[in-house]
């Protein structure tokens, strides 16, 4: 078994075990693992948005912090260009289209693209393709449980510098 190197502070070469919650500034909870299983992440690996990575950098095991991340840095600002009009006949006849309904569309590059029915306009349906949290400041509460050197990241770094 390989020994695990404990790190003093969170950096881009560490694996962080943490509890977190995301909420809106009005207190509405969006996501949380508090009271459940701690999550792990490696800051800078692209799995977190850069603003969330930046909040973690420099923290240590035992730290509990609260950050308010501005909408532009969290999930982006709402873009009117992401409101699209789709002909009603492009939807299955058995779907009851109502504002707030999440509908899945085939993405041009493959996969699926979710959209939210914004409003009905006769034979057209306005669909909002903005992220549901776009335009909202996010409160990020985090408790760092453990910080260790991430061997996989270190090996990748070593291979890139040779």
Protein backbone atom coordinates (compact mmCIF):
# COMPACT_ATOMS: atom_id res chain seq x y z
CA UNK A 1 0.00 0.00 0.00
CA UNK A 2 1.33 3.44 -0.93
CA UNK A 3 1.55 6.00 1.88
CA UNK A 4 -0.64 9.08 1.45
CA UNK A 5 1.08 12.43 1.79
CA UNK A 6 -0.94 14.86 3.86
CA UNK A 7 -0.90 18.41 2.52
CA UNK A 8 -1.12 21.51 4.70
CA UNK A 9 -3.28 23.56 2.36
CA UNK A 10 -5.52 23.08 -0.65
CA UNK A 11 -3.73 23.59 -3.95
CA UNK A 12 -4.15 22.35 -7.50
CA UNK A 13 -2.11 19.23 -6.66
CA UNK A 14 -4.30 18.11 -3.77
CA UNK A 15 -7.31 15.88 -3.37
CA UNK A 16 -9.78 17.58 -1.06
CA UNK A 17 -12.46 15.86 0.99
CA UNK A 18 -15.21 18.29 1.92
CA UNK A 19 -18.79 18.99 2.88
CA UNK A 20 -20.52 21.75 0.96
CA UNK A 21 -23.82 23.44 0.39
CA UNK A 22 -24.93 25.75 -2.38
CA UNK A 23 -27.82 28.09 -1.76
CA UNK A 24 -29.31 31.26 -3.15
CA UNK A 25 -28.88 34.51 -1.27
CA UNK A 26 -32.50 34.22 -0.08
CA UNK A 27 -31.55 30.99 1.74
CA UNK A 28 -33.10 28.53 -0.73
CA UNK A 29 -30.94 25.38 -0.70
CA UNK A 30 -29.78 24.28 -4.16
CA UNK A 31 -27.44 21.36 -3.37
CA UNK A 32 -25.68 19.94 -0.33
CA UNK A 33 -23.87 16.89 0.95
CA UNK A 34 -23.91 18.06 4.59
CA UNK A 35 -25.19 15.22 6.72
CA UNK A 36 -24.27 12.73 4.01
CA UNK A 37 -21.09 11.40 2.49
CA UNK A 38 -18.23 13.87 2.07
CA UNK A 39 -17.29 14.71 -1.53
CA UNK A 40 -13.82 14.69 -3.05
CA UNK A 41 -12.38 16.98 -5.69
CA UNK A 42 -9.08 18.11 -7.15
CA UNK A 43 -9.05 21.90 -7.61
CA UNK A 44 -8.06 22.92 -11.12
CA UNK A 45 -8.96 19.61 -12.78
CA UNK A 46 -11.92 21.16 -14.61
CA UNK A 47 -14.67 19.43 -12.63
CA UNK A 48 -15.55 22.55 -10.64
CA UNK A 49 -16.23 26.02 -11.95
CA UNK A 50 -13.13 28.23 -11.55
CA UNK A 51 -14.79 30.45 -8.93
CA UNK A 52 -15.45 27.44 -6.70
CA UNK A 53 -11.86 26.21 -7.19
CA UNK A 54 -10.58 29.66 -6.19
CA UNK A 55 -12.57 29.55 -2.95
CA UNK A 56 -10.91 26.28 -1.94
CA UNK A 57 -7.30 27.29 -2.63
CA UNK A 58 -5.35 27.96 0.56
CA UNK A 59 -7.86 26.33 2.91
CA UNK A 60 -6.80 23.67 5.42
CA UNK A 61 -8.43 20.65 7.03
CA UNK A 62 -10.90 21.89 9.63
CA UNK A 63 -11.61 25.20 7.89
CA UNK A 64 -15.26 26.22 7.52
CA UNK A 65 -15.92 29.13 5.18
CA UNK A 66 -18.80 30.90 3.49
CA UNK A 67 -18.42 32.63 0.15
CA UNK A 68 -20.90 34.57 -1.95
CA UNK A 69 -20.06 33.96 -5.59
CA UNK A 70 -21.43 36.60 -8.00
CA UNK A 71 -23.70 35.26 -10.74
CA UNK A 72 -21.21 36.11 -13.49
CA UNK A 73 -18.58 33.91 -11.81
CA UNK A 74 -20.95 31.15 -10.72
CA UNK A 75 -23.29 29.90 -13.45
CA UNK A 76 -23.14 32.99 -15.63
CA UNK A 77 -25.51 35.82 -16.37
CA UNK A 78 -28.81 35.21 -18.11
CA UNK A 79 -28.51 35.68 -21.85
CA UNK A 80 -31.56 36.71 -23.89
CA UNK A 81 -29.95 34.91 -26.85
CA UNK A 82 -30.56 31.64 -24.96
CA UNK A 83 -34.33 32.12 -25.27
CA UNK A 84 -35.33 30.27 -28.43
CA UNK A 85 -38.66 29.95 -30.20
CA UNK A 86 -39.47 26.40 -31.24
CA UNK A 87 -42.50 25.44 -33.37
CA UNK A 88 -45.11 23.57 -31.29
CA UNK A 89 -45.16 20.76 -33.87
CA UNK A 90 -41.52 19.90 -32.98
CA UNK A 91 -42.76 18.52 -29.65
CA UNK A 92 -44.52 15.18 -29.22
CA UNK A 93 -48.30 15.61 -29.28
CA UNK A 94 -48.74 13.89 -25.92
CA UNK A 95 -46.53 16.39 -24.06
CA UNK A 96 -48.50 18.95 -22.08
CA UNK A 97 -46.39 22.06 -22.54
CA UNK A 98 -46.58 24.38 -19.55
CA UNK A 99 -44.17 27.06 -18.34
CA UNK A 100 -41.48 25.52 -16.14
CA UNK A 101 -41.50 22.14 -17.88
CA UNK A 102 -37.98 20.86 -18.52
CA UNK A 103 -37.63 19.43 -22.02
CA UNK A 104 -34.64 17.62 -23.48
CA UNK A 105 -33.36 18.40 -26.98
CA UNK A 106 -30.71 16.67 -29.06
CA UNK A 107 -27.53 18.75 -28.98
CA UNK A 108 -25.74 19.44 -32.27
CA UNK A 109 -22.51 17.88 -30.95
CA UNK A 110 -24.36 14.85 -29.59
CA UNK A 111 -25.87 14.28 -26.20
CA UNK A 112 -28.79 16.16 -24.75
CA UNK A 113 -29.47 19.81 -24.06
CA UNK A 114 -32.10 20.66 -21.44
CA UNK A 115 -34.39 23.62 -21.89
CA UNK A 116 -37.22 25.04 -19.82
CA UNK A 117 -40.54 26.02 -21.39
CA UNK A 118 -40.67 29.76 -20.73
CA UNK A 119 -43.97 30.67 -22.37
CA UNK A 120 -46.48 29.51 -24.97
CA UNK A 121 -47.05 31.79 -27.94
CA UNK A 122 -49.72 30.29 -30.20
CA UNK A 123 -48.01 27.79 -32.47
CA UNK A 124 -44.57 28.68 -31.01
CA UNK A 125 -43.01 27.72 -27.68
CA UNK A 126 -40.35 29.91 -26.12
CA UNK A 127 -37.70 27.70 -24.50
CA UNK A 128 -35.07 29.00 -22.08
CA UNK A 129 -31.65 27.35 -22.53
CA UNK A 130 -29.94 29.40 -19.80
CA UNK A 131 -28.56 27.41 -16.87
CA UNK A 132 -31.30 27.33 -14.20
CA UNK A 133 -28.98 29.20 -11.81
CA UNK A 134 -27.84 31.78 -14.38
CA UNK A 135 -28.20 35.31 -13.07
CA UNK A 136 -28.23 34.19 -9.42
CA UNK A 137 -25.54 34.87 -6.84
CA UNK A 138 -24.59 31.63 -5.09
CA UNK A 139 -23.73 31.14 -1.42
CA UNK A 140 -21.04 28.45 -1.15
CA UNK A 141 -20.54 27.01 2.34
CA UNK A 142 -17.64 24.60 2.63
CA UNK A 143 -16.00 22.55 5.38
CA UNK A 144 -12.64 20.99 4.56
CA UNK A 145 -12.33 17.50 6.04
CA UNK A 146 -9.01 16.37 4.59
CA UNK A 147 -6.32 17.53 2.17
CA UNK A 148 -3.85 15.06 0.63
CA UNK A 149 -1.36 15.20 -2.20
CA UNK A 150 -3.05 13.73 -5.28
CA UNK A 151 -0.64 11.13 -6.65
CA UNK A 152 -2.42 10.99 -10.03
CA UNK A 153 -2.11 14.76 -10.51
CA UNK A 154 1.55 14.70 -9.44
CA UNK A 155 2.34 11.89 -11.91
CA UNK A 156 0.64 13.78 -14.74
CA UNK A 157 2.55 16.93 -13.84
CA UNK A 158 5.84 14.99 -13.70
CA UNK A 159 5.19 13.52 -17.16
CA UNK A 160 4.42 16.95 -18.61
CA UNK A 161 7.61 18.51 -17.31
CA UNK A 162 10.00 15.85 -18.61
